[in-house]
Each structure stands twice: as C-alpha cells, then as structure tokens.
C-alpha cells in the first residue's frame, strides 16, 4: 500500500507540474526548472491566469504533492516515519488524485478561456 500511495502522489505531482509548465510555455511566462509548484502558481496569479483566491486554494494541493512525508520510502527513513505512512489510507490517495484531477481541469479550462478573451 505504501508503494501504491507513493506512486499516486508521484504521478499526481508529475502530471500537475507538467500542466503548470505547459500553461507557462503557452502564456510565455518565464520559469525555472527547479521552481516549486507554489512558485509556478504565483507566476500564473501574477499574470492574471488565476485569481489570488484560486492560487490560495491550490496552495494546499501544492504543499501535499511536494511534502517530504509523501515521498517514496527510503531505507534511511525511521520506524516512526514508516508507522506514520501506514496510517495514511487508500481514501487519502484517492482524494489527492481527485483533487489533482479537478485542479488540472480547472487550470486548463481557465488558461484556454484566457486565450480566447479579446
């Protein structure tokens, strides 16, 4: 279960990040490869692609996807970390996946609406 959960978070992070980078490229917004998800969101807000309210809402998802606690298990992780990871349920993985999916849908739609605006 831990590996499955870590895979869900890793895949959600990769897809969410690629969507943000694609929007940056389409809008001509400068970014750096090492920028965090929150930095990429702040860039979109600064350029008017999303409002400050939505940037704040996406802040939670960005923090979850980039949280160290959700990284795949490494041999040096303590027993305490392992026990904590066991408490994370499949429902949480599904929630993270759903939240990522809905966020990507919203951002993609918002970026497209912005492109067709006069």
Protein backbone atom coordinates (compact mmCIF):
# COMPACT_ATOMS: atom_id res chain seq x y z
CA UNK A 1 0.00 0.00 0.00
CA UNK A 2 2.80 2.45 0.79
CA UNK A 3 4.35 1.99 -2.62
CA UNK A 4 0.96 2.44 -4.30
CA UNK A 5 0.31 5.59 -2.30
CA UNK A 6 3.76 7.00 -3.09
CA UNK A 7 3.20 6.21 -6.77
CA UNK A 8 -0.15 8.05 -6.79
CA UNK A 9 1.41 11.13 -5.20
CA UNK A 10 4.45 10.99 -7.50
CA UNK A 11 2.29 10.65 -10.62
CA UNK A 12 -0.08 13.42 -9.49
CA UNK A 13 2.91 15.69 -8.87
CA UNK A 14 4.42 14.92 -12.29
CA UNK A 15 1.18 15.50 -14.18
CA UNK A 16 0.23 18.62 -12.23
CA UNK A 17 3.70 20.09 -12.73
CA UNK A 18 3.68 19.31 -16.45
CA UNK A 19 0.31 21.05 -16.84
CA UNK A 20 1.60 24.12 -14.99
CA UNK A 21 4.74 24.21 -17.15
CA UNK A 22 2.68 23.80 -20.33
CA UNK A 23 0.49 26.76 -19.30
CA UNK A 24 3.64 28.80 -18.56
CA UNK A 25 5.02 27.99 -22.01
CA UNK A 26 1.75 28.76 -23.81
CA UNK A 27 1.41 32.08 -21.99
CA UNK A 28 5.08 33.00 -22.42
CA UNK A 29 5.66 33.09 -18.66
CA UNK A 30 9.28 32.62 -17.58
CA UNK A 31 10.06 29.87 -15.08
CA UNK A 32 12.97 27.84 -13.80
CA UNK A 33 13.07 24.03 -13.82
CA UNK A 34 13.62 23.98 -10.05
CA UNK A 35 10.60 26.22 -9.28
CA UNK A 36 8.21 24.74 -6.73
CA UNK A 37 4.55 24.23 -7.54
CA UNK A 38 3.68 27.22 -5.33
CA UNK A 39 6.13 29.41 -7.28
CA UNK A 40 4.61 28.27 -10.57
CA UNK A 41 1.13 29.08 -9.20
CA UNK A 42 2.31 32.51 -8.06
CA UNK A 43 3.55 33.14 -11.61
CA UNK A 44 0.11 32.29 -13.01
CA UNK A 45 -1.53 34.58 -10.48
CA UNK A 46 0.87 37.43 -11.28
CA UNK A 47 0.00 37.13 -14.97
CA UNK A 48 -3.75 37.02 -14.28
CA UNK A 49 -4.30 33.42 -15.38
CA UNK A 50 -5.77 32.59 -11.96
CA UNK A 51 -7.01 34.81 -9.15
CA UNK A 52 -5.32 35.12 -5.76
CA UNK A 53 -8.28 33.22 -4.30
CA UNK A 54 -7.64 30.23 -6.55
CA UNK A 55 -3.89 30.39 -6.03
CA UNK A 56 -4.59 30.14 -2.30
CA UNK A 57 -6.88 27.13 -2.85
CA UNK A 58 -4.23 25.36 -4.93
CA UNK A 59 -1.60 26.08 -2.26
CA UNK A 60 -2.86 23.10 -0.24
CA UNK A 61 -2.53 20.69 -3.16
CA UNK A 62 0.94 22.00 -3.99
CA UNK A 63 2.06 21.51 -0.39
CA UNK A 64 0.66 17.98 -0.28
CA UNK A 65 2.29 16.95 -3.56
CA UNK A 66 5.67 18.36 -2.56
CA UNK A 67 5.58 17.24 1.07
CA UNK A 68 8.55 15.15 2.15
CA UNK A 69 6.31 12.84 4.15
CA UNK A 70 4.74 11.56 0.92
CA UNK A 71 7.99 10.74 -0.86
CA UNK A 72 8.63 7.06 -1.57
CA UNK A 73 10.09 5.15 1.34
CA UNK A 74 13.85 5.29 1.54
CA UNK A 75 15.99 2.87 3.57
CA UNK A 76 17.11 5.65 5.92
CA UNK A 77 13.55 6.51 6.96
CA UNK A 78 12.86 5.82 10.61
CA UNK A 79 10.39 3.33 12.02
CA UNK A 80 8.29 6.30 13.18
CA UNK A 81 8.05 7.55 9.59
CA UNK A 82 7.07 4.07 8.42
CA UNK A 83 4.37 3.82 11.10
CA UNK A 84 3.02 7.23 10.10
CA UNK A 85 2.85 6.19 6.47
CA UNK A 86 0.88 3.07 7.41
CA UNK A 87 -1.83 5.32 8.86
CA UNK A 88 -2.37 7.03 5.52
CA UNK A 89 -5.36 5.37 3.95
CA UNK A 90 -6.25 4.49 0.39
CA UNK A 91 -9.02 7.10 0.68
CA UNK A 92 -6.41 9.83 1.10
CA UNK A 93 -4.61 8.67 -2.04
CA UNK A 94 -7.92 8.77 -3.91
CA UNK A 95 -8.64 12.24 -2.55
CA UNK A 96 -5.25 13.54 -3.64
CA UNK A 97 -5.76 12.02 -7.09
CA UNK A 98 -9.25 13.55 -7.39
CA UNK A 99 -8.08 16.96 -6.17
CA UNK A 100 -5.21 16.91 -8.65
CA UNK A 101 -7.51 15.88 -11.49
CA UNK A 102 -10.05 18.64 -10.72
CA UNK A 103 -7.29 21.23 -10.32
CA UNK A 104 -5.78 20.30 -13.69
CA UNK A 105 -9.22 20.51 -15.30
CA UNK A 106 -9.86 23.95 -13.81
CA UNK A 107 -6.42 25.33 -14.69
CA UNK A 108 -6.58 24.01 -18.25
CA UNK A 109 -10.04 25.49 -18.76
CA UNK A 110 -9.02 28.80 -17.21
CA UNK A 111 -5.93 29.02 -19.41
CA UNK A 112 -8.00 28.26 -22.52
CA UNK A 113 -10.65 30.85 -21.58
CA UNK A 114 -7.91 33.40 -21.10
CA UNK A 115 -6.55 32.61 -24.59
CA UNK A 116 -9.86 33.31 -26.34
CA UNK A 117 -10.60 36.52 -24.45
CA UNK A 118 -10.31 39.66 -26.62
